[in-house]
Amino acid sequence: MMSVKQETDQKMMEILRILYEKDEVLGAKVISEELDKRGYSLGERAVRYHMHILDEKGFSQKVGYKGRRITDKGKEELEKGLIYEQVDFTSSYFQERIQQVSLDPERKEGCVIVNLSSFNDKEAIPLIEDVFNTGLAVSKHHRIYDNKNTKYIETICGTTIDGIFQENGIISKLLYGGLVKVENNQPIKFTQQIAYSKTSVTPIEAFTGNDNTNVLDVISSGDGIIPANIRVIPCVKKQKAINILKKLEKIDINGVLHIGEPGETILGVPIPEGLVGIPIIGGITPLCAAQEAGYDINIKLADKVAEYNQMNHLRGNIKIPLNKPTTNNADKISFVENKIFNLISKVDYDIETQKGKVIANVSYVDKEYLDESIEILKDVYHKKPEYCISNKYALLEKDDKIGIATICSLTIDGILTSNGVTSLPQFGGLLDISPNNKRFIELISYQGSSADPHEIFIKKDMHNIKGALEDSGNILANLHTIHYSARDVATDVFDKISDLSFNLFHVGKPNEYLYNARVEKYNFGYVLAGGLNPIAAIKEENIPIDVKSIETTLEHDIFDEI
């Protein structure tokens, strides 16, 4: 159930969003009208009241009698947002952008969706343009400009094609965004992906940077990793879609890797019967190549819309230099949720005998870093034991490396399940630590993701365990749910495992929002710190560590106390 405070926060967040999207000074009348379009009935007087609060918080600024504009602090707050909104908003955001597409291929005029990326080194430009010329892009149309000593580049986003489909009466539903493996110039399968529904992190953006892509290798050898997404359309509209794509290709918009047959699995993605899958290369592919070359580029997907005919164009149209991708292959996408269910089912830890199997994360370091790593692990636990799921760890040898095993938080779901309570992990997230306002700032659903959300956050260095030890950073955490009818049994189990040094961060009430994360109706939620927090702290000290989450089950007896 949403509290009055949450409803007020939601309205203020929507006001900030309007100020950000309009990017101009707005008065109460305009804001009230915009709110009404979005389903919020808020008169001008009420808007002024909410704006006064935003001014006091430093999120907005009054500009004479004209109205308000959003501040940098307000933009930062909007980025963190109300996480229960952000999870739903990511998919909604893309739908909003798709609705704004108005490009007419015949007249070569209208709005397209663009990714807006920033960088400081102009030496990156020739490389980016070279990648455009290889054909590994949605379009060669782009725009580079300077603003406040920073260079910006707009590139056409592949979801522009979804918008044009929609303009022509074709339903286009985005499924996943992620990374596609290429071998011998043939796209093979999605190796990583996130569903567009139920995530606060833009799917493709989650996998950019940190050596996730190998665009330059694809160009030089035909082998590597590229960003892409996939959508489905009704099979009865396939020919019409093909005709539209031919028109778009003539005006330098392509990026389509394949148009499938009805129900045909593409790149490991199963497509429902009656639908056709269409994977499209990421419009940020040239920017990923620049990142691989060492240039510091901040990528933002589908950030805005721009006029197509006002963008620059390199000579020649885009022609994807790749062969037809793998279809109906046996090697289909592996979802982390399926792995989780099986591992949870293997947990047989007995809370009476304190023996049995638990789920473990196992991360590997060179032997020379072992002592330092263990000291960091101990430091995290002794300073903030609530940031660790357990006070246990184990060491496992593997070749010339040592595996540091920590108990995974999903063990709690396994213990509950073996005691007759169905407990389901819903989201992996980042929990902002503040004495008075703990809240999730990122959430990724386990459903529809190929990777553990915490591994994604660690790979992108989004955590701040060191700061959290001083109550000013963020930690890895999970949201789990249980049907309210099992609350008494679950609470009894929670009491027993707490006595056994298993740490629960917080247990909520039925239908209660937990740290701004929504819990489904007729359920109650509980939050656990991620078992990888001590490992993330090791990584923050620049110790090379190969992080592996939700890795296996191990006997609890082999673990030692920290």
Protein backbone atom coordinates (compact mmCIF):
# COMPACT_ATOMS: atom_id res chain seq x y z
CA MET A 1 0.00 0.00 0.00
CA MET A 2 1.36 3.42 -0.96
CA SER A 3 1.59 5.93 1.88
CA VAL A 4 0.60 9.59 1.61
CA LYS A 5 4.31 10.48 1.63
CA GLN A 6 4.99 8.10 -1.26
CA GLU A 7 2.11 9.61 -3.26
CA THR A 8 3.52 13.11 -2.62
CA ASP A 9 7.03 11.97 -3.56
CA GLN A 10 5.64 10.42 -6.74
CA LYS A 11 4.00 13.68 -7.79
CA MET A 12 7.15 15.69 -7.08
CA MET A 13 9.23 13.22 -9.05
CA GLU A 14 6.86 13.59 -12.00
CA ILE A 15 7.19 17.38 -11.80
CA LEU A 16 10.98 17.00 -11.90
CA ARG A 17 10.64 14.68 -14.87
CA ILE A 18 8.52 17.28 -16.73
CA LEU A 19 11.07 20.02 -16.01
CA TYR A 20 13.88 17.76 -17.22
CA GLU A 21 12.14 16.62 -20.40
CA LYS A 22 10.96 20.12 -21.40
CA ASP A 23 14.40 21.57 -20.54
CA GLU A 24 13.04 25.09 -20.02
CA VAL A 25 11.52 27.34 -17.36
CA LEU A 26 7.92 26.25 -16.73
CA GLY A 27 5.08 27.82 -14.79
CA ALA A 28 2.51 26.09 -12.58
CA LYS A 29 -0.17 26.18 -15.31
CA VAL A 30 1.96 24.31 -17.87
CA ILE A 31 3.12 21.78 -15.27
CA SER A 32 -0.46 21.19 -14.13
CA GLU A 33 -1.53 20.54 -17.73
CA GLU A 34 1.37 18.12 -18.29
CA LEU A 35 0.57 16.28 -15.05
CA ASP A 36 -3.03 15.90 -16.16
CA LYS A 37 -1.87 14.18 -19.36
CA ARG A 38 0.05 11.70 -17.21
CA GLY A 39 -2.88 10.86 -14.96
CA TYR A 40 -2.15 13.23 -12.05
CA SER A 41 -4.93 15.62 -11.12
CA LEU A 42 -3.06 18.50 -9.53
CA GLY A 43 -4.25 22.11 -9.79
CA GLU A 44 -1.96 25.11 -10.14
CA ARG A 45 -2.11 25.91 -6.43
CA ALA A 46 -1.12 22.34 -5.50
CA VAL A 47 1.68 22.43 -8.08
CA ARG A 48 3.06 25.61 -6.50
CA TYR A 49 2.99 23.89 -3.10
CA HIS A 50 4.96 20.91 -4.42
CA MET A 51 7.34 23.19 -6.27
CA HIS A 52 8.05 25.09 -3.06
CA ILE A 53 9.13 21.82 -1.44
CA LEU A 54 11.33 21.01 -4.44
CA ASP A 55 12.91 24.49 -4.17
CA GLU A 56 13.68 23.91 -0.48
CA LYS A 57 15.35 20.59 -1.30
CA GLY A 58 17.43 22.29 -3.98
CA PHE A 59 15.88 20.17 -6.76
CA SER A 60 14.34 23.14 -8.60
CA GLN A 61 15.01 26.85 -8.85
CA LYS A 62 12.62 29.75 -9.18
CA VAL A 63 13.34 32.06 -12.13
CA GLY A 64 11.64 35.37 -11.45
CA TYR A 65 7.93 35.19 -12.22
CA LYS A 66 8.39 32.83 -15.18
CA GLY A 67 8.40 29.62 -13.17
CA ARG A 68 10.91 26.94 -12.28
CA ARG A 69 13.72 25.00 -13.85
CA ILE A 70 15.38 21.81 -12.66
CA THR A 71 18.79 22.06 -10.96
CA ASP A 72 21.76 19.71 -11.26
CA LYS A 73 20.83 18.33 -7.85
CA GLY A 74 17.30 17.76 -9.15
CA LYS A 75 18.66 15.88 -12.16
CA GLU A 76 20.70 13.69 -9.82
CA GLU A 77 17.62 13.00 -7.71
CA LEU A 78 15.63 12.16 -10.83
CA GLU A 79 18.35 9.74 -11.91
CA LYS A 80 18.01 7.89 -8.62
CA GLY A 81 14.29 8.41 -8.67
CA LEU A 82 11.56 6.51 -6.89
CA ILE A 83 12.79 3.05 -7.72
CA TYR A 84 9.31 1.49 -7.81
CA GLU A 85 8.57 3.96 -10.61
CA GLN A 86 11.91 3.55 -12.36
CA VAL A 87 11.47 -0.21 -12.70
CA ASP A 88 8.25 0.30 -14.64
CA PHE A 89 9.44 3.54 -16.18
CA THR A 90 12.29 2.10 -18.27
CA SER A 91 9.89 0.22 -20.53
CA SER A 92 7.41 3.11 -20.43
CA TYR A 93 10.20 5.55 -21.28
CA PHE A 94 11.04 3.68 -24.47
CA GLN A 95 7.35 3.55 -25.38
CA GLU A 96 7.13 7.31 -24.90
CA ARG A 97 10.15 7.88 -27.14
CA ILE A 98 8.75 5.48 -29.75
CA GLN A 99 5.51 7.47 -29.74
CA GLN A 100 7.50 10.65 -30.54
CA VAL A 101 9.01 9.25 -33.76
CA SER A 102 7.61 11.06 -36.80
CA LEU A 103 10.17 10.34 -39.54
CA ASP A 104 8.68 10.12 -43.02
CA PRO A 105 11.05 7.98 -45.16
CA GLU A 106 9.62 9.45 -48.37
CA ARG A 107 10.22 13.08 -47.38
CA LYS A 108 13.28 12.34 -45.22
CA GLU A 109 11.85 14.60 -42.53
CA GLY A 110 10.66 14.12 -38.98
CA CYS A 111 11.89 13.11 -35.54
CA VAL A 112 14.10 10.13 -34.74
CA ILE A 113 15.23 8.75 -31.36
CA VAL A 114 18.86 9.51 -30.60
CA ASN A 115 21.41 8.30 -28.08
CA LEU A 116 23.26 11.20 -26.50
CA SER A 117 26.85 10.47 -25.46
CA SER A 118 29.49 12.80 -24.05
CA PHE A 119 33.27 12.75 -24.36
CA ASN A 120 36.22 15.13 -24.07
CA ASP A 121 38.85 13.78 -26.47
CA LYS A 122 38.25 14.88 -30.06
CA GLU A 123 40.73 12.19 -31.16
CA ALA A 124 37.86 9.72 -30.69
CA ILE A 125 35.91 11.22 -33.60
CA PRO A 126 37.89 9.65 -36.51
CA LEU A 127 37.58 6.21 -34.93
CA ILE A 128 33.84 6.62 -34.38
CA GLU A 129 33.38 7.69 -38.00
CA ASP A 130 35.49 4.74 -39.20
CA VAL A 131 33.09 2.39 -37.41
CA PHE A 132 30.13 4.16 -39.05
CA ASN A 133 31.75 3.45 -42.41
CA THR A 134 32.09 -0.27 -41.67
CA GLY A 135 28.30 -0.49 -41.41
CA LEU A 136 28.21 -1.54 -37.74
CA ALA A 137 25.61 1.06 -36.78
CA VAL A 138 21.93 1.85 -37.17
CA SER A 139 22.75 4.88 -39.29
CA LYS A 140 25.64 7.10 -40.36
CA HIS A 141 23.51 10.11 -39.49
CA HIS A 142 24.91 11.73 -36.37
CA ARG A 143 25.54 15.12 -34.82
CA ILE A 144 28.60 16.29 -32.87
CA TYR A 145 28.57 19.55 -30.92
CA ASP A 146 30.25 21.29 -27.98
CA ASN A 147 28.59 22.47 -24.78
CA LYS A 148 30.41 23.75 -21.69
CA ASN A 149 33.81 22.32 -22.68
CA THR A 150 32.30 18.88 -23.33
CA LYS A 151 31.72 17.26 -26.70
CA TYR A 152 28.44 15.50 -27.39
CA ILE A 153 27.46 13.07 -30.13
CA GLU A 154 23.94 12.10 -31.11
CA THR A 155 23.52 8.74 -32.86
CA ILE A 156 20.29 7.27 -34.15
CA CYS A 157 18.83 4.64 -31.82
CA GLY A 158 17.49 1.36 -33.21
CA THR A 159 14.16 1.93 -31.46
CA THR A 160 13.52 4.60 -34.10
CA ILE A 161 12.54 1.65 -36.29
CA ASP A 162 9.96 0.58 -33.69
CA GLY A 163 8.52 4.09 -33.84
CA ILE A 164 8.25 3.97 -37.63
CA PHE A 165 6.61 0.56 -37.41
CA GLN A 166 4.09 2.00 -34.97
CA GLU A 167 3.44 4.98 -37.27
CA ASN A 168 2.51 2.45 -39.94
CA GLY A 169 0.21 0.35 -37.79
CA ILE A 170 2.67 -2.39 -36.82
CA ILE A 171 2.77 -3.43 -33.17
CA SER A 172 6.42 -3.74 -32.11
CA LYS A 173 7.27 -5.06 -28.65
CA LEU A 174 10.81 -4.77 -27.30
CA LEU A 175 11.90 -7.99 -25.58
CA TYR A 176 15.57 -7.87 -24.63
CA GLY A 177 18.66 -5.73 -24.94
CA GLY A 178 22.16 -7.04 -24.46
CA LEU A 179 25.23 -8.48 -26.14
CA VAL A 180 25.48 -10.73 -29.21
CA LYS A 181 28.40 -13.02 -29.97
CA VAL A 182 29.75 -12.92 -33.53
CA GLU A 183 31.88 -15.66 -35.12
CA ASN A 184 33.21 -15.54 -38.68
CA ASN A 185 30.99 -12.49 -39.30
CA GLN A 186 27.89 -14.44 -38.26
CA PRO A 187 25.85 -13.41 -35.21
CA ILE A 188 25.54 -16.55 -33.07
CA LYS A 189 23.50 -15.79 -29.95
CA PHE A 190 22.78 -13.35 -27.15
CA THR A 191 25.38 -13.98 -24.46
CA GLN A 192 23.93 -11.44 -22.04
CA GLN A 193 20.55 -9.80 -21.99
CA ILE A 194 18.02 -8.04 -19.77
CA ALA A 195 14.29 -7.84 -20.39
CA TYR A 196 12.96 -4.33 -21.03
CA SER A 197 10.26 -4.93 -18.42
CA LYS A 198 11.07 -4.69 -14.71
CA THR A 199 14.45 -3.00 -14.73
CA SER A 200 15.64 0.46 -13.75
CA VAL A 201 18.77 0.04 -15.88
CA THR A 202 18.51 0.47 -19.65
CA PRO A 203 19.23 -3.07 -20.95
CA ILE A 204 21.97 -2.40 -23.53
CA GLU A 205 23.50 0.31 -21.34
CA ALA A 206 23.92 -2.25 -18.55
CA PHE A 207 26.49 -4.09 -20.67
CA THR A 208 28.50 -1.19 -22.11
CA GLY A 209 32.03 -0.34 -20.99
CA ASN A 210 34.42 -2.41 -18.86
CA ASP A 211 35.50 -4.61 -21.77
CA ASN A 212 32.02 -6.04 -22.29
CA THR A 213 32.04 -5.50 -26.07
CA ASN A 214 34.57 -6.40 -28.81
CA VAL A 215 33.33 -4.27 -31.73
CA LEU A 216 36.86 -3.58 -32.94
CA ASP A 217 37.57 -7.33 -33.04
CA VAL A 218 34.42 -7.92 -35.11
CA ILE A 219 35.69 -5.32 -37.60
CA SER A 220 39.23 -6.72 -37.78
CA SER A 221 38.62 -10.48 -37.56
CA GLY A 222 34.88 -11.14 -37.76
CA ASP A 223 34.82 -12.46 -34.17
CA GLY A 224 33.66 -10.54 -31.11
CA ILE A 225 30.75 -9.09 -29.15
CA ILE A 226 28.35 -6.34 -30.25
CA PRO A 227 25.39 -4.65 -28.54
CA ALA A 228 21.92 -5.41 -29.91
CA ASN A 229 18.27 -5.67 -28.97
CA ILE A 230 15.36 -7.74 -30.22
CA ARG A 231 11.68 -7.06 -30.69
CA VAL A 232 8.69 -9.01 -32.00
CA ILE A 233 5.97 -8.02 -34.45
CA PRO A 234 2.82 -9.90 -35.57
CA CYS A 235 3.64 -12.34 -38.38
CA VAL A 236 0.77 -10.95 -40.49
CA LYS A 237 2.70 -7.66 -40.69
CA LYS A 238 6.02 -9.20 -41.75
CA GLN A 239 5.84 -8.20 -45.43
CA LYS A 240 4.74 -4.68 -44.58
CA ALA A 241 7.68 -4.41 -42.16
CA ILE A 242 10.07 -5.60 -44.88
CA ASN A 243 8.76 -2.94 -47.24
CA ILE A 244 9.25 -0.24 -44.61
CA LEU A 245 12.79 -1.43 -43.85
CA LYS A 246 13.68 -1.24 -47.55
CA LYS A 247 12.56 2.39 -47.60
CA LEU A 248 14.56 3.13 -44.46
CA GLU A 249 17.67 1.52 -45.90
CA LYS A 250 17.52 3.99 -48.80
CA ILE A 251 17.74 6.89 -46.37
CA ASP A 252 20.55 5.39 -44.27
CA ILE A 253 18.66 3.66 -41.46
CA ASN A 254 19.24 -0.07 -41.14
CA GLY A 255 20.98 -2.07 -38.42
CA VAL A 256 18.62 -5.04 -38.87
CA LEU A 257 20.45 -8.33 -38.32
CA HIS A 258 17.58 -10.57 -39.45
CA ILE A 259 13.83 -10.82 -39.94
CA GLY A 260 12.69 -14.20 -38.65
CA GLU A 261 9.96 -16.61 -39.59
CA PRO A 262 6.89 -16.96 -37.32
CA GLY A 263 7.90 -18.64 -34.06
CA GLU A 264 11.52 -18.97 -35.20
CA THR A 265 14.16 -18.83 -32.46
CA ILE A 266 16.71 -16.13 -33.25
CA LEU A 267 20.09 -15.74 -31.57
CA GLY A 268 18.96 -18.08 -28.83
CA VAL A 269 15.81 -16.06 -28.12
CA PRO A 270 12.62 -18.16 -28.30
CA ILE A 271 9.93 -16.31 -30.27
CA PRO A 272 6.25 -17.06 -29.49
CA GLU A 273 4.13 -18.65 -32.21
CA GLY A 274 2.48 -16.10 -34.46
CA LEU A 275 5.20 -13.51 -33.91
CA VAL A 276 8.34 -12.61 -35.83
CA GLY A 277 11.61 -11.67 -34.15
CA ILE A 278 13.75 -8.78 -35.42
CA PRO A 279 17.17 -8.22 -33.80
CA ILE A 280 18.76 -4.81 -34.46
CA ILE A 281 22.31 -3.73 -33.73
CA GLY A 282 22.74 -1.12 -31.00
CA GLY A 283 22.90 2.47 -32.24
CA ILE A 284 25.73 3.01 -29.75
CA THR A 285 28.00 0.40 -31.40
CA PRO A 286 30.49 3.01 -32.76
CA LEU A 287 30.69 4.53 -29.27
CA CYS A 288 31.39 1.10 -27.74
CA ALA A 289 34.30 0.75 -30.18
CA ALA A 290 35.71 4.07 -28.96
CA GLN A 291 35.39 2.89 -25.36
CA GLU A 292 37.31 -0.26 -26.28
CA ALA A 293 40.09 1.93 -27.68
CA GLY A 294 40.42 3.65 -24.30
CA TYR A 295 38.39 6.82 -24.86
CA ASP A 296 36.26 7.99 -21.92
CA ILE A 297 32.71 8.16 -23.25
CA ASN A 298 29.52 8.44 -21.23
CA ILE A 299 26.72 6.72 -23.14
CA LYS A 300 23.01 7.46 -22.68
CA LEU A 301 20.52 5.44 -24.73
CA ALA A 302 17.35 6.85 -26.27
CA ASP A 303 18.02 10.09 -24.42
CA LYS A 304 16.00 12.39 -26.68
CA VAL A 305 14.43 12.89 -30.10
CA ALA A 306 16.00 14.99 -32.86
CA GLU A 307 15.16 16.15 -36.37
CA TYR A 308 16.57 13.65 -38.86
CA ASN A 309 17.38 16.25 -41.53
CA GLN A 310 19.43 18.32 -39.06
CA MET A 311 21.94 15.52 -38.48
CA ASN A 312 25.22 15.14 -40.37
CA HIS A 313 25.71 12.28 -42.77
CA LEU A 314 28.79 10.42 -43.93
CA ARG A 315 28.82 9.36 -47.57
CA GLY A 316 27.12 6.04 -48.35
CA ASN A 317 24.27 4.13 -46.73
CA ILE A 318 24.52 1.66 -43.88
CA LYS A 319 24.92 -1.95 -44.94
CA ILE A 320 25.45 -4.43 -42.11
CA PRO A 321 28.68 -6.36 -42.84
CA LEU A 322 27.40 -9.53 -41.15
CA ASN A 323 25.87 -12.74 -42.42
CA LYS A 324 22.46 -14.13 -41.50
CA PRO A 325 22.42 -14.98 -37.78
CA THR A 326 21.86 -18.37 -36.23
CA THR A 327 18.20 -19.36 -36.06
CA ASN A 328 16.40 -22.24 -34.32
CA ASN A 329 19.67 -23.33 -32.72
CA ALA A 330 19.55 -25.73 -29.79
CA ASP A 331 21.75 -23.44 -27.69
CA LYS A 332 19.04 -21.14 -26.38
CA ILE A 333 19.35 -18.31 -23.90
CA SER A 334 19.98 -19.39 -20.33
CA PHE A 335 18.03 -17.30 -17.82
CA VAL A 336 19.50 -16.77 -14.37
CA GLU A 337 16.07 -17.31 -12.79
CA ASN A 338 16.07 -20.96 -13.95
CA LYS A 339 19.52 -21.50 -12.42
CA ILE A 340 18.34 -19.87 -9.20
CA PHE A 341 15.30 -22.14 -8.86
CA ASN A 342 17.45 -25.23 -9.26
CA LEU A 343 20.09 -24.08 -6.77
CA ILE A 344 17.43 -23.07 -4.23
CA SER A 345 15.99 -26.58 -4.58
CA LYS A 346 19.40 -28.10 -3.74
CA VAL A 347 19.68 -26.29 -0.40
CA ASP A 348 19.20 -28.76 2.44
CA TYR A 349 20.77 -26.84 5.30
CA ASP A 350 19.07 -27.93 8.53
CA ILE A 351 18.56 -25.09 11.01
CA GLU A 352 18.49 -27.60 13.88
CA THR A 353 21.69 -29.52 13.10
CA GLN A 354 23.33 -26.59 11.24
CA LYS A 355 24.49 -28.99 8.56
CA GLY A 356 23.73 -29.29 4.86
CA LYS A 357 24.28 -27.51 1.56
CA VAL A 358 24.13 -23.74 1.07
CA ILE A 359 24.44 -21.65 -2.12
CA ALA A 360 27.84 -20.05 -2.58
CA ASN A 361 29.42 -17.28 -4.62
CA VAL A 362 32.99 -18.18 -5.52
CA SER A 363 35.36 -15.45 -6.71
CA TYR A 364 38.98 -16.04 -7.66
CA VAL A 365 42.17 -14.11 -6.85
CA ASP A 366 45.85 -14.80 -7.43
CA LYS A 367 47.55 -16.26 -4.35
CA GLU A 368 49.64 -13.12 -3.90
CA TYR A 369 46.47 -11.11 -3.16
CA LEU A 370 44.85 -13.64 -0.83
CA ASP A 371 45.97 -12.26 2.55
CA GLU A 372 45.03 -8.69 1.62
CA SER A 373 41.66 -9.87 0.28
CA ILE A 374 40.83 -11.77 3.47
CA GLU A 375 41.68 -8.71 5.58
CA ILE A 376 39.25 -6.59 3.51
CA LEU A 377 36.57 -9.27 3.86
CA LYS A 378 37.03 -9.31 7.63
CA ASP A 379 37.01 -5.51 7.80
CA VAL A 380 33.64 -5.30 6.04
CA TYR A 381 32.09 -7.92 8.30
CA HIS A 382 33.39 -6.52 11.57
CA LYS A 383 32.43 -2.92 10.71
CA LYS A 384 29.03 -3.69 9.20
CA PRO A 385 27.95 -7.33 9.69
CA GLU A 386 24.51 -6.45 8.29
CA TYR A 387 26.16 -5.90 4.89
CA CYS A 388 27.10 -9.60 4.81
CA ILE A 389 24.59 -12.42 4.63
CA SER A 390 26.71 -14.57 6.93
CA ASN A 391 29.87 -14.55 9.03
CA LYS A 392 31.28 -17.46 7.04
CA TYR A 393 33.76 -17.88 4.19
CA ALA A 394 35.73 -20.70 2.61
CA LEU A 395 38.86 -20.98 0.47
CA LEU A 396 38.96 -23.23 -2.59
CA GLU A 397 42.03 -23.92 -4.70
CA LYS A 398 41.77 -23.87 -8.49
CA ASP A 399 44.93 -24.12 -10.56
CA ASP A 400 47.10 -21.13 -9.58
CA LYS A 401 44.22 -19.16 -8.04
CA ILE A 402 42.30 -19.25 -4.79
CA GLY A 403 38.51 -19.13 -4.74
CA ILE A 404 36.95 -17.07 -1.95
CA ALA A 405 33.51 -18.53 -1.27
CA THR A 406 30.87 -16.45 0.48
CA ILE A 407 27.38 -17.62 1.27
CA CYS A 408 24.85 -16.35 -1.26
CA SER A 409 21.72 -14.60 0.00
CA LEU A 410 19.59 -16.99 -2.07
CA THR A 411 20.44 -19.60 0.56
CA ILE A 412 17.71 -18.00 2.69
CA ASP A 413 15.14 -18.76 -0.04
CA GLY A 414 16.40 -22.35 -0.01
CA ILE A 415 16.10 -22.67 3.77
CA LEU A 416 12.58 -21.25 3.68
CA THR A 417 11.60 -23.56 0.79
CA SER A 418 12.86 -26.65 2.63
CA ASN A 419 10.72 -25.54 5.58
CA GLY A 420 7.56 -25.37 3.47
CA VAL A 421 7.61 -21.66 2.57
CA THR A 422 7.83 -20.54 -1.05
CA SER A 423 10.22 -17.59 -1.14
CA LEU A 424 11.02 -15.97 -4.47
CA PRO A 425 13.86 -13.55 -5.22
CA GLN A 426 12.37 -10.71 -7.27
CA PHE A 427 15.09 -8.11 -7.81
CA GLY A 428 18.80 -7.66 -7.37
CA GLY A 429 19.61 -4.05 -6.64
CA LEU A 430 21.78 -1.28 -5.27
CA LEU A 431 20.69 -0.02 -1.86
CA ASP A 432 21.68 3.57 -1.10
CA ILE A 433 22.83 3.73 2.51
CA SER A 434 21.79 6.77 4.46
CA PRO A 435 20.95 6.90 8.19
CA ASN A 436 17.56 8.50 7.55
CA ASN A 437 16.69 7.49 3.99
CA LYS A 438 17.82 4.06 2.86
CA ARG A 439 16.43 3.32 -0.60
CA PHE A 440 17.01 1.21 -3.65
CA ILE A 441 18.50 3.30 -6.46
CA GLU A 442 18.71 0.49 -9.05
CA LEU A 443 16.74 -2.72 -9.50
CA ILE A 444 16.95 -5.47 -12.11
CA SER A 445 14.45 -8.32 -12.12
CA TYR A 446 15.82 -11.86 -12.04
CA GLN A 447 13.10 -12.72 -14.54
CA GLY A 448 14.29 -12.16 -18.10
CA SER A 449 17.94 -11.61 -17.21
CA SER A 450 20.77 -13.88 -18.27
CA ALA A 451 23.13 -12.53 -15.61
CA ASP A 452 22.92 -12.02 -11.88
CA PRO A 453 22.08 -8.30 -11.40
CA HIS A 454 24.82 -7.97 -8.81
CA GLU A 455 27.43 -9.17 -11.29
CA ILE A 456 26.22 -6.45 -13.67
CA PHE A 457 26.54 -3.76 -11.00
CA ILE A 458 30.01 -4.99 -10.02
CA LYS A 459 31.16 -5.13 -13.63
CA LYS A 460 30.12 -1.49 -14.10
CA ASP A 461 31.62 -0.37 -10.75
CA MET A 462 28.25 0.95 -9.59
CA HIS A 463 28.68 -0.11 -5.95
CA ASN A 464 30.35 1.85 -3.17
CA ILE A 465 30.94 -0.50 -0.24
CA LYS A 466 33.77 1.63 1.11
CA GLY A 467 31.46 4.64 1.35
CA ALA A 468 28.67 2.52 2.83
CA LEU A 469 30.96 1.54 5.71
CA GLU A 470 30.80 5.25 6.59
CA ASP A 471 27.03 5.42 5.91
CA SER A 472 27.39 7.36 2.65
CA GLY A 473 27.64 4.81 -0.17
CA ASN A 474 25.60 1.93 -1.54
CA ILE A 475 25.60 -1.84 -1.19
CA LEU A 476 24.36 -4.82 -3.16
CA ALA A 477 21.01 -6.06 -1.87
CA ASN A 478 18.05 -8.21 -2.93
CA LEU A 479 14.29 -7.97 -2.62
CA HIS A 480 12.47 -11.26 -1.97
CA THR A 481 8.74 -11.91 -1.55
CA ILE A 482 6.57 -14.42 0.28
CA HIS A 483 2.79 -14.82 0.22
CA TYR A 484 1.30 -13.17 3.29
CA SER A 485 -0.43 -16.43 4.35
CA ALA A 486 3.01 -17.93 5.11
CA ARG A 487 4.15 -14.99 7.23
CA ASP A 488 3.98 -16.74 10.61
CA VAL A 489 5.98 -19.77 9.47
CA ALA A 490 8.49 -17.55 7.67
CA THR A 491 8.94 -15.30 10.71
CA ASP A 492 9.66 -18.34 12.86
CA VAL A 493 12.36 -19.46 10.39
CA PHE A 494 13.81 -15.92 10.28
CA ASP A 495 14.11 -15.89 14.09
CA LYS A 496 15.96 -19.20 14.10
CA ILE A 497 18.43 -18.38 11.32
CA SER A 498 19.16 -14.98 12.85
CA ASP A 499 20.43 -16.84 15.91
CA LEU A 500 22.73 -18.78 13.57
CA SER A 501 24.48 -15.63 12.26
CA PHE A 502 22.46 -15.33 9.04
CA ASN A 503 21.74 -11.62 8.67
CA LEU A 504 18.42 -10.22 7.44
CA PHE A 505 18.45 -6.55 6.50
CA HIS A 506 14.73 -5.89 6.88
CA VAL A 507 11.42 -7.78 6.89
CA GLY A 508 8.37 -5.83 5.75
CA LYS A 509 4.65 -6.05 6.26
CA PRO A 510 2.13 -7.36 3.68
CA ASN A 511 1.77 -4.96 0.70
CA GLU A 512 4.42 -2.62 2.17
CA TYR A 513 6.95 -0.78 0.02
CA LEU A 514 10.48 -1.66 1.13
CA TYR A 515 13.11 1.04 0.66
CA ASN A 516 10.92 2.41 -2.16
CA ALA A 517 10.68 -0.99 -3.88
CA ARG A 518 7.18 -2.20 -4.66
CA VAL A 519 5.98 -5.53 -3.26
CA GLU A 520 3.21 -7.31 -5.14
CA LYS A 521 -0.23 -7.36 -3.59
CA TYR A 522 -0.94 -10.18 -1.09
CA ASN A 523 2.79 -10.59 -0.49
CA PHE A 524 5.29 -9.26 1.99
CA GLY A 525 8.88 -8.56 1.18
CA TYR A 526 12.19 -8.92 2.88
CA VAL A 527 15.55 -7.43 1.98
CA LEU A 528 18.90 -9.19 2.22
CA ALA A 529 22.35 -7.76 1.74
CA GLY A 530 24.19 -9.37 -1.17
CA GLY A 531 26.70 -12.08 -0.38
CA LEU A 532 29.09 -10.36 -2.79
CA ASN A 533 29.44 -7.14 -0.78
CA PRO A 534 32.80 -8.16 0.76
CA ILE A 535 33.98 -9.25 -2.70
CA ALA A 536 32.92 -5.91 -4.19
CA ALA A 537 34.92 -4.20 -1.44
CA ILE A 538 37.99 -6.20 -2.52
CA LYS A 539 37.48 -5.03 -6.11
CA GLU A 540 37.20 -1.42 -4.92
CA GLU A 541 40.77 -1.72 -3.60
CA ASN A 542 41.92 -2.47 -7.18
CA ILE A 543 42.70 -6.10 -6.42
CA PRO A 544 42.17 -8.21 -9.57
CA ILE A 545 39.32 -10.59 -8.73
CA ASP A 546 37.17 -12.73 -10.99
CA VAL A 547 33.69 -12.35 -9.52
CA LYS A 548 31.33 -15.31 -9.81
CA SER A 549 27.90 -15.14 -8.21
CA ILE A 550 25.31 -17.87 -7.62
CA GLU A 551 28.05 -20.32 -8.52
CA THR A 552 27.31 -23.64 -6.78
CA THR A 553 26.20 -25.37 -3.59
CA LEU A 554 28.71 -26.29 -0.87
CA GLU A 555 28.47 -28.07 2.46
CA HIS A 556 28.13 -25.55 5.28
CA ASP A 557 30.75 -27.47 7.27
CA ILE A 558 33.60 -26.35 5.00
CA PHE A 559 33.05 -22.68 5.86
CA ASP A 560 35.05 -20.93 8.57
CA GLU A 561 34.05 -17.95 10.66
CA ILE A 562 35.31 -14.57 9.50
